Amino acid sequence: MQPSDETYILYGALFIFVMFGLLFNVVKRLGSSKNFPPNKDKKNN
């Protein structure tokens, strides 16, 4: 039994959403350490 095209589209969109989320998380971590140090870290240290 083959799943319908709508199922593939749904899972494709979900996959893209998850990948963009992970990518954004990595970029945010790398960028925050170099360009934008958070103010909270300065207050704690």
N, C-alpha and C. Protein backbone atom coordinates (compact mmCIF):
# COMPACT_ATOMS: atom_id res chain seq x y z
N MET A 1 0.84 -1.20 0.00
CA MET A 1 0.00 0.00 0.00
C MET A 1 0.88 1.25 0.00
N GLN A 2 0.75 2.06 -1.01
CA GLN A 2 1.57 3.27 -1.15
C GLN A 2 0.90 4.44 -0.44
N PRO A 3 1.67 5.23 0.33
CA PRO A 3 1.09 6.45 0.90
C PRO A 3 0.82 7.48 -0.18
N SER A 4 -0.12 8.36 0.09
CA SER A 4 -0.51 9.36 -0.91
C SER A 4 0.55 10.45 -1.03
N ASP A 5 0.43 11.25 -2.07
CA ASP A 5 1.38 12.34 -2.29
C ASP A 5 1.33 13.36 -1.14
N GLU A 6 0.16 13.55 -0.57
CA GLU A 6 0.02 14.51 0.52
C GLU A 6 0.86 14.11 1.72
N THR A 7 0.99 12.80 1.94
CA THR A 7 1.81 12.32 3.06
C THR A 7 3.27 12.68 2.82
N TYR A 8 3.75 12.50 1.59
CA TYR A 8 5.14 12.85 1.27
C TYR A 8 5.38 14.34 1.45
N ILE A 9 4.42 15.15 1.01
CA ILE A 9 4.56 16.60 1.14
C ILE A 9 4.60 17.00 2.61
N LEU A 10 3.74 16.37 3.41
CA LEU A 10 3.69 16.69 4.83
C LEU A 10 5.00 16.36 5.52
N TYR A 11 5.51 15.15 5.26
CA TYR A 11 6.76 14.75 5.89
C TYR A 11 7.94 15.55 5.34
N GLY A 12 7.89 15.93 4.09
CA GLY A 12 8.94 16.76 3.50
C GLY A 12 9.00 18.12 4.16
N ALA A 13 7.83 18.73 4.36
CA ALA A 13 7.77 20.04 5.02
C ALA A 13 8.24 19.93 6.46
N LEU A 14 7.85 18.85 7.12
CA LEU A 14 8.26 18.64 8.51
C LEU A 14 9.77 18.49 8.60
N PHE A 15 10.34 17.72 7.66
CA PHE A 15 11.79 17.50 7.63
C PHE A 15 12.53 18.82 7.41
N ILE A 16 12.03 19.63 6.48
CA ILE A 16 12.66 20.93 6.21
C ILE A 16 12.57 21.83 7.45
N PHE A 17 11.42 21.79 8.12
CA PHE A 17 11.24 22.58 9.32
C PHE A 17 12.26 22.21 10.38
N VAL A 18 12.43 20.89 10.60
CA VAL A 18 13.37 20.41 11.62
C VAL A 18 14.80 20.79 11.25
N MET A 19 15.16 20.62 9.98
CA MET A 19 16.53 20.93 9.55
C MET A 19 16.82 22.42 9.71
N PHE A 20 15.86 23.27 9.34
CA PHE A 20 16.06 24.71 9.52
C PHE A 20 16.18 25.07 10.99
N GLY A 21 15.43 24.38 11.83
CA GLY A 21 15.51 24.63 13.26
C GLY A 21 16.88 24.28 13.82
N LEU A 22 17.40 23.12 13.41
CA LEU A 22 18.73 22.72 13.87
C LEU A 22 19.79 23.68 13.33
N LEU A 23 19.67 24.03 12.07
CA LEU A 23 20.64 24.93 11.44
C LEU A 23 20.63 26.29 12.14
N PHE A 24 19.43 26.80 12.41
CA PHE A 24 19.31 28.09 13.09
C PHE A 24 19.93 28.04 14.48
N ASN A 25 19.73 26.90 15.15
CA ASN A 25 20.28 26.74 16.50
C ASN A 25 21.81 26.77 16.46
N VAL A 26 22.40 26.08 15.49
CA VAL A 26 23.86 26.04 15.38
C VAL A 26 24.40 27.42 15.03
N VAL A 27 23.77 28.08 14.08
CA VAL A 27 24.23 29.42 13.67
C VAL A 27 24.10 30.40 14.83
N LYS A 28 23.01 30.28 15.59
CA LYS A 28 22.81 31.17 16.73
C LYS A 28 23.90 30.98 17.77
N ARG A 29 24.28 29.71 18.02
CA ARG A 29 25.33 29.45 19.01
C ARG A 29 26.68 29.96 18.52
N LEU A 30 27.00 29.70 17.25
CA LEU A 30 28.30 30.14 16.73
C LEU A 30 28.36 31.66 16.67
N GLY A 31 27.27 32.29 16.24
CA GLY A 31 27.25 33.74 16.12
C GLY A 31 27.26 34.43 17.47
N SER A 32 26.60 33.84 18.46
CA SER A 32 26.49 34.50 19.76
C SER A 32 27.84 34.54 20.46
N SER A 33 28.67 33.51 20.25
CA SER A 33 29.96 33.47 20.94
C SER A 33 30.93 34.49 20.36
N LYS A 34 30.79 34.82 19.06
CA LYS A 34 31.75 35.73 18.43
C LYS A 34 31.22 37.16 18.36
N ASN A 35 30.04 37.33 17.74
CA ASN A 35 29.59 38.68 17.40
C ASN A 35 28.70 39.30 18.46
N PHE A 36 27.79 38.52 19.03
CA PHE A 36 26.81 39.08 19.94
C PHE A 36 26.88 38.39 21.29
N PRO A 37 27.80 38.78 22.16
CA PRO A 37 27.82 38.17 23.49
C PRO A 37 26.59 38.61 24.28
N PRO A 38 25.86 37.68 24.86
CA PRO A 38 24.65 38.05 25.61
C PRO A 38 25.00 38.85 26.86
N ASN A 39 24.11 39.73 27.28
CA ASN A 39 24.35 40.55 28.45
C ASN A 39 24.34 39.73 29.73
N LYS A 40 23.61 38.60 29.73
CA LYS A 40 23.51 37.78 30.93
C LYS A 40 24.88 37.23 31.33
N ASP A 41 25.69 36.83 30.33
CA ASP A 41 27.00 36.28 30.63
C ASP A 41 27.90 37.32 31.30
N LYS A 42 27.80 38.56 30.88
CA LYS A 42 28.63 39.62 31.47
C LYS A 42 28.25 39.85 32.93
N LYS A 43 26.94 39.84 33.22
CA LYS A 43 26.50 40.08 34.58
C LYS A 43 26.92 38.94 35.51
N ASN A 44 26.84 37.71 35.02
CA ASN A 44 27.21 36.55 35.87
C ASN A 44 28.71 36.52 36.13
N ASN A 45 29.50 36.89 35.14
CA ASN A 45 30.97 36.88 35.33
C ASN A 45 31.40 38.22 35.89
